[in-house]
Amino acid sequence: MKCEICRKRIEETFLKKVLGTYVKDKKGKKHAVCFECQKKFPTKEELLKHI
């Protein structure tokens, strides 16, 4: 799986859980975001602006 912002590969645990987060937009679509981008853009609004 790739980050929607930086397009880097997101690491997964052995149970296929993402080491990052998912952010929902207004329409309810989920976007995967890596841990580094989550640090750069701390609020949900900032993350959605860069997607």
Protein backbone atom coordinates (compact mmCIF):
# COMPACT_ATOMS: atom_id res chain seq x y z
CA MET A 1 0.00 0.00 0.00
CA LYS A 2 1.26 3.51 -0.78
CA CYS A 3 0.82 6.84 0.97
CA GLU A 4 -1.62 9.18 -0.79
CA ILE A 5 0.61 12.22 -0.14
CA CYS A 6 4.24 11.18 -0.68
CA ARG A 7 3.63 7.93 -2.65
CA LYS A 8 6.08 5.97 -0.48
CA ARG A 9 5.30 2.40 0.48
CA ILE A 10 3.58 2.11 3.86
CA GLU A 11 4.91 -0.64 6.09
CA GLU A 12 2.51 -3.31 7.36
CA THR A 13 2.56 -5.60 10.39
CA PHE A 14 2.47 -9.35 9.99
CA LEU A 15 -1.34 -9.17 10.33
CA LYS A 16 -1.49 -6.76 7.36
CA LYS A 17 -2.30 -3.72 9.52
CA VAL A 18 -1.00 -0.40 8.23
CA LEU A 19 1.69 1.45 10.20
CA GLY A 20 0.04 4.79 9.58
CA THR A 21 -3.56 5.87 9.44
CA TYR A 22 -6.58 6.23 7.22
CA VAL A 23 -8.27 9.61 6.70
CA LYS A 24 -11.83 9.92 5.43
CA ASP A 25 -12.82 12.77 3.15
CA LYS A 26 -16.26 14.39 2.85
CA LYS A 27 -17.53 11.65 0.53
CA GLY A 28 -16.45 8.90 2.95
CA LYS A 29 -13.53 7.61 0.87
CA LYS A 30 -10.57 6.37 2.92
CA HIS A 31 -7.07 7.60 2.11
CA ALA A 32 -3.96 5.89 3.51
CA VAL A 33 -1.34 8.18 5.06
CA CYS A 34 2.12 7.15 6.28
CA PHE A 35 3.58 7.94 9.68
CA GLU A 36 6.00 10.59 8.33
CA CYS A 37 3.27 12.57 6.55
CA GLN A 38 1.14 12.29 9.65
CA LYS A 39 3.93 14.04 11.59
CA LYS A 40 4.27 16.80 8.97
CA PHE A 41 0.54 17.55 8.82
CA PRO A 42 -0.95 17.03 12.30
CA THR A 43 -4.58 17.98 11.55
CA LYS A 44 -7.09 16.17 9.36
CA GLU A 45 -7.75 19.31 7.31
CA GLU A 46 -4.08 19.72 6.44
CA LEU A 47 -3.82 16.06 5.40
CA LEU A 48 -6.86 16.30 3.15
CA LYS A 49 -5.56 19.52 1.57
CA HIS A 50 -2.35 17.77 0.46
CA ILE A 51 -4.15 14.70 -0.91
